[in-house]
């Protein structure tokens, strides 16, 4: 499966963005999916994850209440709605397939990373 994240951009603090992650080559409906981000000079960190059906979603504490992860399996696409954005949310955002269901926060639980999309928040 190949993943492509898009929808990033430059917005002012307090603004919103909706990121999309489109899957190709294989249906993504059989997989849980996750979002991570990496800021300059920092390690990649967990943002959100969603189950195969979309019924269950999990969030990093820093994003809880400010983000919503959803999916449209008919379109093979997962979304990450980001609200009340802060300058510290500036990062490259990546999506990946959640392959190890023992944990959703660890980077090692994911595979088939897509190319990221840049999110820049100005103060």
PDB file of N, CA and C in Angstrom:
ATOM      1  N   UNK A   1       0.837  -1.178   0.000  1.00  0.00           N
ATOM      2  CA  UNK A   1       0.000   0.000   0.000  1.00  0.00           C
ATOM      3  C   UNK A   1       0.883   1.241   0.000  1.00  0.00           C
ATOM      4  N   UNK A   2       0.513   2.227  -0.802  1.00  0.00           N
ATOM      5  CA  UNK A   2       1.242   3.493  -0.852  1.00  0.00           C
ATOM      6  C   UNK A   2       0.344   4.590  -0.268  1.00  0.00           C
ATOM      7  N   UNK A   3       0.958   5.432   0.529  1.00  0.00           N
ATOM      8  CA  UNK A   3       0.221   6.502   1.185  1.00  0.00           C
ATOM      9  C   UNK A   3       0.758   7.857   0.764  1.00  0.00           C
ATOM     10  N   UNK A   4      -0.138   8.798   0.629  1.00  0.00           N
ATOM     11  CA  UNK A   4       0.247  10.170   0.300  1.00  0.00           C
ATOM     12  C   UNK A   4      -0.541  11.113   1.182  1.00  0.00           C
ATOM     13  N   UNK A   5       0.166  11.877   1.984  1.00  0.00           N
ATOM     14  CA  UNK A   5      -0.478  12.879   2.824  1.00  0.00           C
ATOM     15  C   UNK A   5      -0.447  14.227   2.120  1.00  0.00           C
ATOM     16  N   UNK A   6      -1.520  14.966   2.244  1.00  0.00           N
ATOM     17  CA  UNK A   6      -1.572  16.300   1.666  1.00  0.00           C
ATOM     18  C   UNK A   6      -2.565  17.144   2.462  1.00  0.00           C
ATOM     19  N   UNK A   7      -2.583  18.430   2.134  1.00  0.00           N
ATOM     20  CA  UNK A   7      -3.493  19.344   2.808  1.00  0.00           C
ATOM     21  C   UNK A   7      -2.813  20.302   3.767  1.00  0.00           C
ATOM     22  N   UNK A   8      -1.494  20.178   3.925  1.00  0.00           N
ATOM     23  CA  UNK A   8      -0.789  21.095   4.790  1.00  0.00           C
ATOM     24  C   UNK A   8      -0.711  22.488   4.185  1.00  0.00           C
ATOM     25  N   UNK A   9      -0.156  23.394   4.942  1.00  0.00           N
ATOM     26  CA  UNK A   9      -0.025  24.755   4.454  1.00  0.00           C
ATOM     27  C   UNK A   9       0.404  25.696   5.555  1.00  0.00           C
ATOM     28  N   UNK A  10       0.329  26.973   5.255  1.00  0.00           N
ATOM     29  CA  UNK A  10       0.687  28.023   6.203  1.00  0.00           C
ATOM     30  C   UNK A  10      -0.587  28.700   6.684  1.00  0.00           C
ATOM     31  N   UNK A  11      -0.812  28.639   7.994  1.00  0.00           N
ATOM     32  CA  UNK A  11      -1.983  29.306   8.572  1.00  0.00           C
ATOM     33  C   UNK A  11      -1.559  30.072   9.822  1.00  0.00           C
ATOM     34  N   UNK A  12      -2.376  31.003  10.204  1.00  0.00           N
ATOM     35  CA  UNK A  12      -2.109  31.769  11.416  1.00  0.00           C
ATOM     36  C   UNK A  12      -2.535  30.970  12.643  1.00  0.00           C
ATOM     37  N   UNK A  13      -1.925  31.309  13.751  1.00  0.00           N
ATOM     38  CA  UNK A  13      -2.306  30.675  15.013  1.00  0.00           C
ATOM     39  C   UNK A  13      -3.805  30.848  15.243  1.00  0.00           C
ATOM     40  N   UNK A  14      -4.424  29.777  15.706  1.00  0.00           N
ATOM     41  CA  UNK A  14      -5.861  29.782  15.911  1.00  0.00           C
ATOM     42  C   UNK A  14      -6.646  29.248  14.731  1.00  0.00           C
ATOM     43  N   UNK A  15      -5.965  29.066  13.621  1.00  0.00           N
ATOM     44  CA  UNK A  15      -6.616  28.586  12.421  1.00  0.00           C
ATOM     45  C   UNK A  15      -6.776  27.075  12.388  1.00  0.00           C
ATOM     46  N   UNK A  16      -7.277  26.586  11.264  1.00  0.00           N
ATOM     47  CA  UNK A  16      -7.564  25.163  11.102  1.00  0.00           C
ATOM     48  C   UNK A  16      -7.021  24.655   9.770  1.00  0.00           C
ATOM     49  N   UNK A  17      -6.772  23.365   9.756  1.00  0.00           N
ATOM     50  CA  UNK A  17      -6.389  22.670   8.533  1.00  0.00           C
ATOM     51  C   UNK A  17      -7.003  21.282   8.561  1.00  0.00           C
ATOM     52  N   UNK A  18      -7.285  20.748   7.401  1.00  0.00           N
ATOM     53  CA  UNK A  18      -7.680  19.351   7.310  1.00  0.00           C
ATOM     54  C   UNK A  18      -6.671  18.620   6.426  1.00  0.00           C
ATOM     55  N   UNK A  19      -5.985  17.692   7.031  1.00  0.00           N
ATOM     56  CA  UNK A  19      -5.031  16.874   6.302  1.00  0.00           C
ATOM     57  C   UNK A  19      -5.727  15.624   5.793  1.00  0.00           C
ATOM     58  N   UNK A  20      -5.270  15.153   4.651  1.00  0.00           N
ATOM     59  CA  UNK A  20      -5.801  13.929   4.070  1.00  0.00           C
ATOM     60  C   UNK A  20      -4.665  12.953   3.830  1.00  0.00           C
ATOM     61  N   UNK A  21      -4.984  11.687   3.910  1.00  0.00           N
ATOM     62  CA  UNK A  21      -4.020  10.629   3.624  1.00  0.00           C
ATOM     63  C   UNK A  21      -4.709   9.648   2.686  1.00  0.00           C
ATOM     64  N   UNK A  22      -4.272   9.641   1.439  1.00  0.00           N
ATOM     65  CA  UNK A  22      -4.885   8.787   0.432  1.00  0.00           C
ATOM     66  C   UNK A  22      -4.041   7.529   0.234  1.00  0.00           C
ATOM     67  N   UNK A  23      -4.710   6.399   0.229  1.00  0.00           N
ATOM     68  CA  UNK A  23      -4.033   5.115   0.045  1.00  0.00           C
ATOM     69  C   UNK A  23      -4.267   4.605  -1.366  1.00  0.00           C
ATOM     70  N   UNK A  24      -3.263   3.970  -1.908  1.00  0.00           N
ATOM     71  CA  UNK A  24      -3.389   3.354  -3.226  1.00  0.00           C
ATOM     72  C   UNK A  24      -2.657   2.022  -3.222  1.00  0.00           C
ATOM     73  N   UNK A  25      -2.964   1.199  -4.173  1.00  0.00           N
ATOM     74  CA  UNK A  25      -2.309  -0.099  -4.297  1.00  0.00           C
ATOM     75  C   UNK A  25      -3.005  -1.204  -3.535  1.00  0.00           C
ATOM     76  N   UNK A  26      -3.704  -0.832  -2.481  1.00  0.00           N
ATOM     77  CA  UNK A  26      -4.427  -1.810  -1.672  1.00  0.00           C
ATOM     78  C   UNK A  26      -5.444  -1.029  -0.847  1.00  0.00           C
ATOM     79  N   UNK A  27      -6.559  -1.652  -0.564  1.00  0.00           N
ATOM     80  CA  UNK A  27      -7.565  -0.953   0.222  1.00  0.00           C
ATOM     81  C   UNK A  27      -7.056  -0.702   1.636  1.00  0.00           C
ATOM     82  N   UNK A  28      -7.252   0.520   2.106  1.00  0.00           N
ATOM     83  CA  UNK A  28      -6.829   0.852   3.463  1.00  0.00           C
ATOM     84  C   UNK A  28      -7.873   0.472   4.495  1.00  0.00           C
ATOM     85  N   UNK A  29      -9.035   0.003   4.042  1.00  0.00           N
ATOM     86  CA  UNK A  29     -10.121  -0.274   4.981  1.00  0.00           C
ATOM     87  C   UNK A  29      -9.818  -1.456   5.892  1.00  0.00           C
ATOM     88  N   UNK A  30      -8.800  -2.249   5.520  1.00  0.00           N
ATOM     89  CA  UNK A  30      -8.432  -3.390   6.352  1.00  0.00           C
ATOM     90  C   UNK A  30      -7.447  -3.032   7.445  1.00  0.00           C
ATOM     91  N   UNK A  31      -7.061  -1.760   7.501  1.00  0.00           N
ATOM     92  CA  UNK A  31      -5.992  -1.362   8.408  1.00  0.00           C
ATOM     93  C   UNK A  31      -6.393  -0.195   9.289  1.00  0.00           C
ATOM     94  N   UNK A  32      -5.899  -0.235  10.504  1.00  0.00           N
ATOM     95  CA  UNK A  32      -5.903   0.981  11.275  1.00  0.00           C
ATOM     96  C   UNK A  32      -4.859   1.918  10.687  1.00  0.00           C
ATOM     97  N   UNK A  33      -5.029   3.209  10.944  1.00  0.00           N
ATOM     98  CA  UNK A  33      -4.113   4.192  10.382  1.00  0.00           C
ATOM     99  C   UNK A  33      -3.689   5.159  11.478  1.00  0.00           C
ATOM    100  N   UNK A  34      -2.530   5.758  11.278  1.00  0.00           N
ATOM    101  CA  UNK A  34      -2.044   6.703  12.268  1.00  0.00           C
ATOM    102  C   UNK A  34      -1.439   7.939  11.638  1.00  0.00           C
ATOM    103  N   UNK A  35      -1.388   8.966  12.456  1.00  0.00           N
ATOM    104  CA  UNK A  35      -0.739  10.223  12.075  1.00  0.00           C
ATOM    105  C   UNK A  35       0.381  10.520  13.065  1.00  0.00           C
ATOM    106  N   UNK A  36       1.502  10.933  12.528  1.00  0.00           N
ATOM    107  CA  UNK A  36       2.635  11.373  13.322  1.00  0.00           C
ATOM    108  C   UNK A  36       3.101  12.724  12.777  1.00  0.00           C
ATOM    109  N   UNK A  37       3.942  13.388  13.536  1.00  0.00           N
ATOM    110  CA  UNK A  37       4.518  14.628  13.054  1.00  0.00           C
ATOM    111  C   UNK A  37       5.955  14.739  13.524  1.00  0.00           C
ATOM    112  N   UNK A  38       6.730  15.496  12.768  1.00  0.00           N
ATOM    113  CA  UNK A  38       8.126  15.719  13.125  1.00  0.00           C
ATOM    114  C   UNK A  38       8.474  17.177  12.906  1.00  0.00           C
ATOM    115  N   UNK A  39       8.815  17.830  14.000  1.00  0.00           N
ATOM    116  CA  UNK A  39       9.249  19.221  13.945  1.00  0.00           C
ATOM    117  C   UNK A  39      10.753  19.277  13.725  1.00  0.00           C
ATOM    118  N   UNK A  40      11.269  20.377  13.216  1.00  0.00           N
ATOM    119  CA  UNK A  40      12.708  20.493  12.980  1.00  0.00           C
ATOM    120  C   UNK A  40      13.511  20.221  14.248  1.00  0.00           C
ATOM    121  N   UNK A  41      14.486  19.353  14.136  1.00  0.00           N
ATOM    122  CA  UNK A  41      15.347  19.058  15.270  1.00  0.00           C
ATOM    123  C   UNK A  41      14.744  18.172  16.325  1.00  0.00           C
ATOM    124  N   UNK A  42      13.547  17.656  16.071  1.00  0.00           N
ATOM    125  CA  UNK A  42      12.873  16.804  17.062  1.00  0.00           C
ATOM    126  C   UNK A  42      12.559  15.442  16.474  1.00  0.00           C
ATOM    127  N   UNK A  43      12.284  14.495  17.368  1.00  0.00           N
ATOM    128  CA  UNK A  43      11.906  13.172  16.926  1.00  0.00           C
ATOM    129  C   UNK A  43      10.451  13.170  16.446  1.00  0.00           C
ATOM    130  N   UNK A  44      10.153  12.189  15.621  1.00  0.00           N
ATOM    131  CA  UNK A  44       8.775  12.035  15.157  1.00  0.00           C
ATOM    132  C   UNK A  44       7.900  11.604  16.334  1.00  0.00           C
ATOM    133  N   UNK A  45       6.719  12.218  16.441  1.00  0.00           N
ATOM    134  CA  UNK A  45       5.851  11.921  17.572  1.00  0.00           C
ATOM    135  C   UNK A  45       4.441  11.585  17.120  1.00  0.00           C
ATOM    136  N   UNK A  46       3.782  10.779  17.924  1.00  0.00           N
ATOM    137  CA  UNK A  46       2.417  10.348  17.654  1.00  0.00           C
ATOM    138  C   UNK A  46       1.453  11.518  17.764  1.00  0.00           C
ATOM    139  N   UNK A  47       0.475  11.543  16.838  1.00  0.00           N
ATOM    140  CA  UNK A  47      -0.564  12.570  16.869  1.00  0.00           C
ATOM    141  C   UNK A  47      -1.936  11.931  17.083  1.00  0.00           C
ATOM    142  N   UNK A  48      -2.278  10.969  16.228  1.00  0.00           N
ATOM    143  CA  UNK A  48      -3.608  10.363  16.317  1.00  0.00           C
ATOM    144  C   UNK A  48      -3.596   9.027  15.591  1.00  0.00           C
ATOM    145  N   UNK A  49      -4.555   8.173  15.947  1.00  0.00           N
ATOM    146  CA  UNK A  49      -4.724   6.895  15.269  1.00  0.00           C
ATOM    147  C   UNK A  49      -6.214   6.593  15.181  1.00  0.00           C
ATOM    148  N   UNK A  50      -6.566   5.771  14.203  1.00  0.00           N
ATOM    149  CA  UNK A  50      -7.974   5.425  14.017  1.00  0.00           C
ATOM    150  C   UNK A  50      -8.068   3.957  13.627  1.00  0.00           C
ATOM    151  N   UNK A  51      -9.098   3.290  14.132  1.00  0.00           N
ATOM    152  CA  UNK A  51      -9.290   1.881  13.845  1.00  0.00           C
ATOM    153  C   UNK A  51      -9.766   1.662  12.415  1.00  0.00           C
ATOM    154  N   UNK A  52      -9.792   0.410  12.001  1.00  0.00           N
ATOM    155  CA  UNK A  52     -10.181   0.067  10.629  1.00  0.00           C
ATOM    156  C   UNK A  52     -11.574   0.592  10.271  1.00  0.00           C
ATOM    157  N   UNK A  53     -12.475   0.457  11.200  1.00  0.00           N
ATOM    158  CA  UNK A  53     -13.855   0.874  10.939  1.00  0.00           C
ATOM    159  C   UNK A  53     -14.067   2.365  11.135  1.00  0.00           C
ATOM    160  N   UNK A  54     -13.133   2.992  11.848  1.00  0.00           N
ATOM    161  CA  UNK A  54     -13.296   4.402  12.175  1.00  0.00           C
ATOM    162  C   UNK A  54     -14.042   4.644  13.466  1.00  0.00           C
ATOM    163  N   UNK A  55     -14.469   3.571  14.122  1.00  0.00           N
ATOM    164  CA  UNK A  55     -15.253   3.724  15.345  1.00  0.00           C
ATOM    165  C   UNK A  55     -14.394   4.249  16.491  1.00  0.00           C
ATOM    166  N   UNK A  56     -13.158   3.773  16.551  1.00  0.00           N
ATOM    167  CA  UNK A  56     -12.269   4.171  17.643  1.00  0.00           C
ATOM    168  C   UNK A  56     -11.144   5.058  17.137  1.00  0.00           C
ATOM    169  N   UNK A  57     -10.906   6.140  17.853  1.00  0.00           N
ATOM    170  CA  UNK A  57      -9.808   7.050  17.529  1.00  0.00           C
ATOM    171  C   UNK A  57      -9.057   7.389  18.811  1.00  0.00           C
ATOM    172  N   UNK A  58      -7.773   7.610  18.663  1.00  0.00           N
ATOM    173  CA  UNK A  58      -6.902   7.867  19.800  1.00  0.00           C
ATOM    174  C   UNK A  58      -6.048   9.089  19.480  1.00  0.00           C
ATOM    175  N   UNK A  59      -5.762   9.879  20.522  1.00  0.00           N
ATOM    176  CA  UNK A  59      -5.064  11.136  20.300  1.00  0.00           C
ATOM    177  C   UNK A  59      -3.945  11.339  21.307  1.00  0.00           C
ATOM    178  N   UNK A  60      -2.907  12.039  20.865  1.00  0.00           N
ATOM    179  CA  UNK A  60      -1.895  12.504  21.787  1.00  0.00           C
ATOM    180  C   UNK A  60      -2.523  13.541  22.698  1.00  0.00           C
ATOM    181  N   UNK A  61      -2.043  13.610  23.911  1.00  0.00           N
ATOM    182  CA  UNK A  61      -2.623  14.548  24.864  1.00  0.00           C
ATOM    183  C   UNK A  61      -2.532  15.987  24.367  1.00  0.00           C
ATOM    184  N   UNK A  62      -1.468  16.296  23.637  1.00  0.00           N
ATOM    185  CA  UNK A  62      -1.286  17.660  23.125  1.00  0.00           C
ATOM    186  C   UNK A  62      -2.306  18.036  22.058  1.00  0.00           C
ATOM    187  N   UNK A  63      -2.928  17.017  21.458  1.00  0.00           N
ATOM    188  CA  UNK A  63      -3.877  17.265  20.366  1.00  0.00           C
ATOM    189  C   UNK A  63      -5.315  16.975  20.745  1.00  0.00           C
ATOM    190  N   UNK A  64      -5.521  16.369  21.897  1.00  0.00           N
ATOM    191  CA  UNK A  64      -6.876  16.019  22.297  1.00  0.00           C
ATOM    192  C   UNK A  64      -7.708  17.274  22.459  1.00  0.00           C
ATOM    193  N   UNK A  65      -8.887  17.278  21.864  1.00  0.00           N
ATOM    194  CA  UNK A  65      -9.758  18.444  21.915  1.00  0.00           C
ATOM    195  C   UNK A  65      -9.501  19.432  20.795  1.00  0.00           C
ATOM    196  N   UNK A  66      -8.385  19.272  20.118  1.00  0.00           N
ATOM    197  CA  UNK A  66      -8.048  20.191  19.013  1.00  0.00           C
ATOM    198  C   UNK A  66      -7.968  19.461  17.678  1.00  0.00           C
ATOM    199  N   UNK A  67      -8.124  18.155  17.697  1.00  0.00           N
ATOM    200  CA  UNK A  67      -8.015  17.406  16.458  1.00  0.00           C
ATOM    201  C   UNK A  67      -9.059  16.308  16.406  1.00  0.00           C
ATOM    202  N   UNK A  68      -9.409  15.944  15.186  1.00  0.00           N
ATOM    203  CA  UNK A  68     -10.352  14.851  14.955  1.00  0.00           C
ATOM    204  C   UNK A  68      -9.848  14.014  13.803  1.00  0.00           C
ATOM    205  N   UNK A  69      -9.710  12.726  14.072  1.00  0.00           N
ATOM    206  CA  UNK A  69      -9.275  11.786  13.048  1.00  0.00           C
ATOM    207  C   UNK A  69     -10.490  11.025  12.538  1.00  0.00           C
ATOM    208  N   UNK A  70     -10.640  10.943  11.247  1.00  0.00           N
ATOM    209  CA  UNK A  70     -11.781  10.244  10.658  1.00  0.00           C
ATOM    210  C   UNK A  70     -11.331   9.550   9.382  1.00  0.00           C
ATOM    211  N   UNK A  71     -12.219   8.756   8.812  1.00  0.00           N
ATOM    212  CA  UNK A  71     -11.854   8.068   7.570  1.00  0.00           C
ATOM    213  C   UNK A  71     -13.079   7.824   6.719  1.00  0.00           C
ATOM    214  N   UNK A  72     -12.812   7.720   5.425  1.00  0.00           N
ATOM    215  CA  UNK A  72     -13.836   7.355   4.455  1.00  0.00           C
ATOM    216  C   UNK A  72     -13.279   6.154   3.699  1.00  0.00           C
ATOM    217  N   UNK A  73     -13.692   4.977   4.097  1.00  0.00           N
ATOM    218  CA  UNK A  73     -13.131   3.763   3.497  1.00  0.00           C
ATOM    219  C   UNK A  73     -13.531   3.602   2.032  1.00  0.00           C
ATOM    220  N   UNK A  74     -14.636   4.181   1.654  1.00  0.00           N
ATOM    221  CA  UNK A  74     -15.033   4.120   0.242  1.00  0.00           C
ATOM    222  C   UNK A  74     -14.053   4.899  -0.632  1.00  0.00           C
ATOM    223  N   UNK A  75     -13.413   5.895  -0.026  1.00  0.00           N
ATOM    224  CA  UNK A  75     -12.444   6.711  -0.762  1.00  0.00           C
ATOM    225  C   UNK A  75     -11.003   6.355  -0.420  1.00  0.00           C
ATOM    226  N   UNK A  76     -10.835   5.343   0.427  1.00  0.00           N
ATOM    227  CA  UNK A  76      -9.480   4.943   0.833  1.00  0.00           C
ATOM    228  C   UNK A  76      -8.695   6.125   1.396  1.00  0.00           C
ATOM    229  N   UNK A  77      -9.360   6.937   2.176  1.00  0.00           N
ATOM    230  CA  UNK A  77      -8.753   8.163   2.676  1.00  0.00           C
ATOM    231  C   UNK A  77      -9.008   8.332   4.170  1.00  0.00           C
ATOM    232  N   UNK A  78      -7.968   8.776   4.857  1.00  0.00           N
ATOM    233  CA  UNK A  78      -8.052   9.100   6.272  1.00  0.00           C
ATOM    234  C   UNK A  78      -7.806  10.597   6.415  1.00  0.00           C
ATOM    235  N   UNK A  79      -8.511  11.203   7.351  1.00  0.00           N
ATOM    236  CA  UNK A  79      -8.426  12.647   7.530  1.00  0.00           C
ATOM    237  C   UNK A  79      -7.956  12.986   8.945  1.00  0.00           C
ATOM    238  N   UNK A  80      -7.316  14.145   9.049  1.00  0.00           N
ATOM    239  CA  UNK A  80      -6.947  14.683  10.357  1.00  0.00           C
ATOM    240  C   UNK A  80      -7.335  16.160  10.361  1.00  0.00           C
ATOM    241  N   UNK A  81      -8.376  16.476  11.081  1.00  0.00           N
ATOM    242  CA  UNK A  81      -8.819  17.857  11.217  1.00  0.00           C
ATOM    243  C   UNK A  81      -8.069  18.483  12.383  1.00  0.00           C
ATOM    244  N   UNK A  82      -7.387  19.580  12.124  1.00  0.00           N
ATOM    245  CA  UNK A  82      -6.609  20.278  13.140  1.00  0.00           C
ATOM    246  C   UNK A  82      -7.225  21.645  13.383  1.00  0.00           C
ATOM    247  N   UNK A  83      -7.568  21.925  14.632  1.00  0.00           N
ATOM    248  CA  UNK A  83      -8.181  23.203  14.995  1.00  0.00           C
ATOM    249  C   UNK A  83      -7.349  23.910  16.064  1.00  0.00           C
ATOM    250  N   UNK A  84      -7.621  25.181  16.232  1.00  0.00           N
ATOM    251  CA  UNK A  84      -6.932  25.987  17.261  1.00  0.00           C
ATOM    252  C   UNK A  84      -5.427  25.779  17.191  1.00  0.00           C
ATOM    253  N   UNK A  85      -4.902  25.876  15.999  1.00  0.00           N
ATOM    254  CA  UNK A  85      -3.492  25.557  15.783  1.00  0.00           C
ATOM    255  C   UNK A  85      -2.579  26.557  16.465  1.00  0.00           C
ATOM    256  N   UNK A  86      -1.441  26.049  16.918  1.00  0.00           N
ATOM    257  CA  UNK A  86      -0.448  26.846  17.633  1.00  0.00           C
ATOM    258  C   UNK A  86       0.875  26.777  16.870  1.00  0.00           C
ATOM    259  N   UNK A  87       1.738  27.746  17.075  1.00  0.00           N
ATOM    260  CA  UNK A  87       3.050  27.687  16.405  1.00  0.00           C
ATOM    261  C   UNK A  87       3.802  26.391  16.690  1.00  0.00           C
ATOM    262  N   UNK A  88       3.628  25.826  17.877  1.00  0.00           N
ATOM    263  CA  UNK A  88       4.324  24.576  18.210  1.00  0.00           C
ATOM    264  C   UNK A  88       3.759  23.364  17.475  1.00  0.00           C
ATOM    265  N   UNK A  89       2.677  23.534  16.740  1.00  0.00           N
ATOM    266  CA  UNK A  89       2.163  22.464  15.896  1.00  0.00           C
ATOM    267  C   UNK A  89       2.874  22.410  14.550  1.00  0.00           C
ATOM    268  N   UNK A  90       3.749  23.360  14.305  1.00  0.00           N
ATOM    269  CA  UNK A  90       4.509  23.376  13.056  1.00  0.00           C
ATOM    270  C   UNK A  90       5.372  22.127  12.942  1.00  0.00           C
ATOM    271  N   UNK A  91       5.184  21.399  11.852  1.00  0.00           N
ATOM    272  CA  UNK A  91       5.896  20.137  11.668  1.00  0.00           C
ATOM    273  C   UNK A  91       5.520  19.568  10.306  1.00  0.00           C
ATOM    274  N   UNK A  92       6.247  18.525   9.929  1.00  0.00           N
ATOM    275  CA  UNK A  92       5.821  17.708   8.796  1.00  0.00           C
ATOM    276  C   UNK A  92       4.933  16.601   9.360  1.00  0.00           C
ATOM    277  N   UNK A  93       3.752  16.452   8.812  1.00  0.00           N
ATOM    278  CA  UNK A  93       2.789  15.456   9.286  1.00  0.00           C
ATOM    279  C   UNK A  93       2.793  14.260   8.342  1.00  0.00           C
ATOM    280  N   UNK A  94       2.875  13.071   8.942  1.00  0.00           N
ATOM    281  CA  UNK A  94       2.943  11.825   8.180  1.00  0.00           C
ATOM    282  C   UNK A  94       1.770  10.917   8.550  1.00  0.00           C
ATOM    283  N   UNK A  95       1.351  10.118   7.580  1.00  0.00           N
ATOM    284  CA  UNK A  95       0.403   9.053   7.884  1.00  0.00           C
ATOM    285  C   UNK A  95       1.090   7.711   7.632  1.00  0.00           C
ATOM    286  N   UNK A  96       0.571   6.691   8.294  1.00  0.00           N
ATOM    287  CA  UNK A  96       1.157   5.363   8.176  1.00  0.00           C
ATOM    288  C   UNK A  96       0.120   4.311   8.534  1.00  0.00           C
ATOM    289  N   UNK A  97       0.392   3.091   8.137  1.00  0.00           N
ATOM    290  CA  UNK A  97      -0.491   1.967   8.443  1.00  0.00           C
ATOM    291  C   UNK A  97      -0.141   1.431   9.832  1.00  0.00           C
ATOM    292  N   UNK A  98      -1.149   1.249  10.626  1.00  0.00           N
ATOM    293  CA  UNK A  98      -0.990   0.762  11.980  1.00  0.00           C
ATOM    294  C   UNK A  98      -0.978  -0.775  11.936  1.00  0.00           C
ATOM    295  N   UNK A  99       0.192  -1.359  12.096  1.00  0.00           N
ATOM    296  CA  UNK A  99       0.333  -2.801  11.893  1.00  0.00           C
ATOM    297  C   UNK A  99       0.428  -3.594  13.196  1.00  0.00           C
ATOM    298  N   UNK A 100       0.833  -2.957  14.279  1.00  0.00           N
ATOM    299  CA  UNK A 100       0.978  -3.654  15.557  1.00  0.00           C
ATOM    300  C   UNK A 100      -0.018  -3.084  16.544  1.00  0.00           C
ATOM    301  N   UNK A 101      -1.095  -3.813  16.756  1.00  0.00           N
ATOM    302  CA  UNK A 101      -2.196  -3.292  17.559  1.00  0.00           C
ATOM    303  C   UNK A 101      -1.935  -3.311  19.056  1.00  0.00           C
ATOM    304  N   UNK A 102      -0.764  -3.774  19.462  1.00  0.00           N
ATOM    305  CA  UNK A 102      -0.470  -3.780  20.894  1.00  0.00           C
ATOM    306  C   UNK A 102      -0.339  -2.376  21.434  1.00  0.00           C
ATOM    307  N   UNK A 103       0.080  -1.464  20.590  1.00  0.00           N
ATOM    308  CA  UNK A 103       0.208  -0.080  21.017  1.00  0.00           C
ATOM    309  C   UNK A 103      -0.046   0.831  19.835  1.00  0.00           C
ATOM    310  N   UNK A 104      -0.587   1.991  20.096  1.00  0.00           N
ATOM    311  CA  UNK A 104      -0.839   2.928  18.990  1.00  0.00           C
ATOM    312  C   UNK A 104       0.083   4.141  19.045  1.00  0.00           C
ATOM    313  N   UNK A 105       0.815   4.297  20.138  1.00  0.00           N
ATOM    314  CA  UNK A 105       1.644   5.499  20.277  1.00  0.00           C
ATOM    315  C   UNK A 105       3.041   5.346  19.703  1.00  0.00           C
ATOM    316  N   UNK A 106       3.494   4.120  19.572  1.00  0.00           N
ATOM    317  CA  UNK A 106       4.881   3.894  19.189  1.00  0.00           C
ATOM    318  C   UNK A 106       5.055   3.896  17.680  1.00  0.00           C
ATOM    319  N   UNK A 107       6.092   4.559  17.256  1.00  0.00           N
ATOM    320  CA  UNK A 107       6.404   4.610  15.827  1.00  0.00           C
ATOM    321  C   UNK A 107       6.629   3.211  15.252  1.00  0.00           C
ATOM    322  N   UNK A 108       7.173   2.315  16.061  1.00  0.00           N
ATOM    323  CA  UNK A 108       7.473   0.969  15.599  1.00  0.00           C
ATOM    324  C   UNK A 108       6.216   0.161  15.284  1.00  0.00           C
ATOM    325  N   UNK A 109       5.060   0.652  15.723  1.00  0.00           N
ATOM    326  CA  UNK A 109       3.802  -0.046  15.462  1.00  0.00           C
ATOM    327  C   UNK A 109       3.247   0.256  14.077  1.00  0.00           C
ATOM    328  N   UNK A 110       3.959   1.053  13.310  1.00  0.00           N
ATOM    329  CA  UNK A 110       3.468   1.518  12.014  1.00  0.00           C
ATOM    330  C   UNK A 110       4.430   1.147  10.904  1.00  0.00           C
ATOM    331  N   UNK A 111       3.863   1.024   9.701  1.00  0.00           N
ATOM    332  CA  UNK A 111       4.646   0.722   8.514  1.00  0.00           C
ATOM    333  C   UNK A 111       4.022   1.435   7.323  1.00  0.00           C
ATOM    334  N   UNK A 112       4.694   1.361   6.194  1.00  0.00           N
ATOM    335  CA  UNK A 112       4.202   1.959   4.949  1.00  0.00           C
ATOM    336  C   UNK A 112       3.973   3.463   5.105  1.00  0.00           C
ATOM    337  N   UNK A 113       4.988   4.112   5.571  1.00  0.00           N
ATOM    338  CA  UNK A 113       4.916   5.561   5.779  1.00  0.00           C
ATOM    339  C   UNK A 113       4.784   6.286   4.457  1.00  0.00           C
ATOM    340  N   UNK A 114       3.905   7.273   4.441  1.00  0.00           N
ATOM    341  CA  UNK A 114       3.769   8.106   3.264  1.00  0.00           C
ATOM    342  C   UNK A 114       4.689   9.314   3.357  1.00  0.00           C
ATOM    343  N   UNK A 115       4.795  10.011   2.279  1.00  0.00           N
ATOM    344  CA  UNK A 115       5.506  11.288   2.297  1.00  0.00           C
ATOM    345  C   UNK A 115       4.673  12.278   3.107  1.00  0.00           C
ATOM    346  N   UNK A 116       5.309  13.077   3.854  1.00  0.00           N
ATOM    347  CA  UNK A 116       4.609  13.980   4.742  1.00  0.00           C
ATOM    348  C   UNK A 116       4.118  15.242   4.055  1.00  0.00           C
ATOM    349  N   UNK A 117       3.355  15.982   4.804  1.00  0.00           N
ATOM    350  CA  UNK A 117       2.871  17.279   4.343  1.00  0.00           C
ATOM    351  C   UNK A 117       3.230  18.330   5.389  1.00  0.00           C
ATOM    352  N   UNK A 118       3.750  19.451   4.922  1.00  0.00           N
ATOM    353  CA  UNK A 118       4.242  20.478   5.839  1.00  0.00           C
ATOM    354  C   UNK A 118       3.098  21.327   6.382  1.00  0.00           C
ATOM    355  N   UNK A 119       3.081  21.475   7.690  1.00  0.00           N
ATOM    356  CA  UNK A 119       2.142  22.378   8.361  1.00  0.00           C
ATOM    357  C   UNK A 119       2.959  23.446   9.063  1.00  0.00           C
ATOM    358  N   UNK A 120       2.692  24.692   8.739  1.00  0.00           N
ATOM    359  CA  UNK A 120       3.406  25.807   9.349  1.00  0.00           C
ATOM    360  C   UNK A 120       2.402  26.775   9.949  1.00  0.00           C
ATOM    361  N   UNK A 121       2.578  27.046  11.229  1.00  0.00           N
ATOM    362  CA  UNK A 121       1.671  27.936  11.943  1.00  0.00           C
ATOM    363  C   UNK A 121       2.420  29.202  12.330  1.00  0.00           C
ATOM    364  N   UNK A 122       1.926  30.328  11.868  1.00  0.00           N
ATOM    365  CA  UNK A 122       2.560  31.602  12.189  1.00  0.00           C
ATOM    366  C   UNK A 122       1.894  32.222  13.414  1.00  0.00           C
ATOM    367  N   UNK A 123       2.701  32.916  14.190  1.00  0.00           N
ATOM    368  CA  UNK A 123       2.172  33.537  15.419  1.00  0.00           C
ATOM    369  C   UNK A 123       1.627  34.924  15.148  1.00  0.00           C
TER     370      UNK A 123
END
